[in-house]
C-alpha atoms as a PDB file:
ATOM      1  CA  UNK A   1     150.296  37.488  16.756  1.00  0.00           C
ATOM      2  CA  UNK A   2     152.433  39.535  14.249  1.00  0.00           C
ATOM      3  CA  UNK A   3     154.755  42.619  14.614  1.00  0.00           C
ATOM      4  CA  UNK A   4     155.085  45.593  12.808  1.00  0.00           C
ATOM      5  CA  UNK A   5     157.669  44.719  11.608  1.00  0.00           C
ATOM      6  CA  UNK A   6     156.901  41.722   9.950  1.00  0.00           C
ATOM      7  CA  UNK A   7     153.405  42.806   8.843  1.00  0.00           C
ATOM      8  CA  UNK A   8     155.355  45.496   6.951  1.00  0.00           C
ATOM      9  CA  UNK A   9     158.055  43.441   5.124  1.00  0.00           C
ATOM     10  CA  UNK A  10     155.069  41.122   4.345  1.00  0.00           C
ATOM     11  CA  UNK A  11     153.146  44.050   2.615  1.00  0.00           C
ATOM     12  CA  UNK A  12     156.817  46.201   0.784  1.00  0.00           C
ATOM     13  CA  UNK A  13     157.058  41.875  -0.504  1.00  0.00           C
ATOM     14  CA  UNK A  14     153.445  41.904  -2.091  1.00  0.00           C
ATOM     15  CA  UNK A  15     154.047  45.413  -3.716  1.00  0.00           C
ATOM     16  CA  UNK A  16     157.351  43.842  -5.225  1.00  0.00           C
ATOM     17  CA  UNK A  17     159.936  46.694  -3.491  1.00  0.00           C
ATOM     18  CA  UNK A  18     163.196  46.004  -4.596  1.00  0.00           C
ATOM     19  CA  UNK A  19     165.037  44.932  -1.716  1.00  0.00           C
ATOM     20  CA  UNK A  20     162.382  42.762   0.459  1.00  0.00           C
ATOM     21  CA  UNK A  21     162.239  39.377  -2.533  1.00  0.00           C
ATOM     22  CA  UNK A  22     162.107  37.303   0.613  1.00  0.00           C
ATOM     23  CA  UNK A  23     159.374  38.973   2.971  1.00  0.00           C
ATOM     24  CA  UNK A  24     160.689  38.690   6.722  1.00  0.00           C
ATOM     25  CA  UNK A  25     163.423  36.343   6.071  1.00  0.00           C
ATOM     26  CA  UNK A  26     167.059  37.650   7.167  1.00  0.00           C
ATOM     27  CA  UNK A  27     168.685  39.346   4.614  1.00  0.00           C
ATOM     28  CA  UNK A  28     171.894  40.635   4.759  1.00  0.00           C
ATOM     29  CA  UNK A  29     173.167  43.255   2.002  1.00  0.00           C
ATOM     30  CA  UNK A  30     176.878  43.937   3.282  1.00  0.00           C
ATOM     31  CA  UNK A  31     177.387  45.523  -0.214  1.00  0.00           C
ATOM     32  CA  UNK A  32     174.838  48.469   0.416  1.00  0.00           C
ATOM     33  CA  UNK A  33     177.383  49.311   3.786  1.00  0.00           C
ATOM     34  CA  UNK A  34     180.485  51.054   1.500  1.00  0.00           C
ATOM     35  CA  UNK A  35     177.682  53.525  -0.254  1.00  0.00           C
ATOM     36  CA  UNK A  36     177.850  56.549   1.951  1.00  0.00           C
ATOM     37  CA  UNK A  37     181.351  56.170   1.487  1.00  0.00           C
ATOM     38  CA  UNK A  38     181.052  56.937  -1.877  1.00  0.00           C
ATOM     39  CA  UNK A  39     179.214  60.361  -1.563  1.00  0.00           C
ATOM     40  CA  UNK A  40     181.275  63.398  -1.911  1.00  0.00           C
ATOM     41  CA  UNK A  41     179.349  65.687   0.602  1.00  0.00           C
ATOM     42  CA  UNK A  42     178.052  64.356   4.757  1.00  0.00           C
ATOM     43  CA  UNK A  43     174.507  62.938   4.391  1.00  0.00           C
ATOM     44  CA  UNK A  44     172.831  61.797   7.624  1.00  0.00           C
ATOM     45  CA  UNK A  45     171.637  58.264   7.089  1.00  0.00           C
ATOM     46  CA  UNK A  46     168.601  56.919   8.826  1.00  0.00           C
ATOM     47  CA  UNK A  47     168.795  53.289   9.175  1.00  0.00           C
ATOM     48  CA  UNK A  48     165.892  51.790   8.882  1.00  0.00           C
ATOM     49  CA  UNK A  49     162.889  51.517  11.954  1.00  0.00           C
ATOM     50  CA  UNK A  50     162.543  47.288  10.185  1.00  0.00           C
ATOM     51  CA  UNK A  51     166.509  46.548  10.470  1.00  0.00           C
ATOM     52  CA  UNK A  52     167.961  44.409  13.234  1.00  0.00           C
ATOM     53  CA  UNK A  53     171.873  44.973  12.750  1.00  0.00           C
ATOM     54  CA  UNK A  54     172.393  42.513  15.927  1.00  0.00           C
ATOM     55  CA  UNK A  55     169.958  39.547  15.006  1.00  0.00           C
ATOM     56  CA  UNK A  56     170.846  36.426  15.787  1.00  0.00           C
ATOM     57  CA  UNK A  57     171.468  34.937  13.112  1.00  0.00           C
ATOM     58  CA  UNK A  58     173.813  37.452  11.479  1.00  0.00           C
ATOM     59  CA  UNK A  59     177.222  36.450  10.782  1.00  0.00           C
ATOM     60  CA  UNK A  60     179.910  37.919  13.182  1.00  0.00           C
ATOM     61  CA  UNK A  61     182.726  39.870  11.275  1.00  0.00           C
ATOM     62  CA  UNK A  62     180.119  40.731   8.851  1.00  0.00           C
ATOM     63  CA  UNK A  63     180.223  44.497   9.088  1.00  0.00           C
END
């Protein structure tokens, strides 16, 4: 049985949503981590519900 996250990732991939080209496969985007530092005003961020910052395949020290 597929998880809600897997189903959603495949749906977003099928819709051609940017950054979902890999579907449910692990995708590292370390360049995006600096984006909040470019904001001039304080901002609240939601780190999407299907992210896994601590996945076993994420190399240590990348963040």
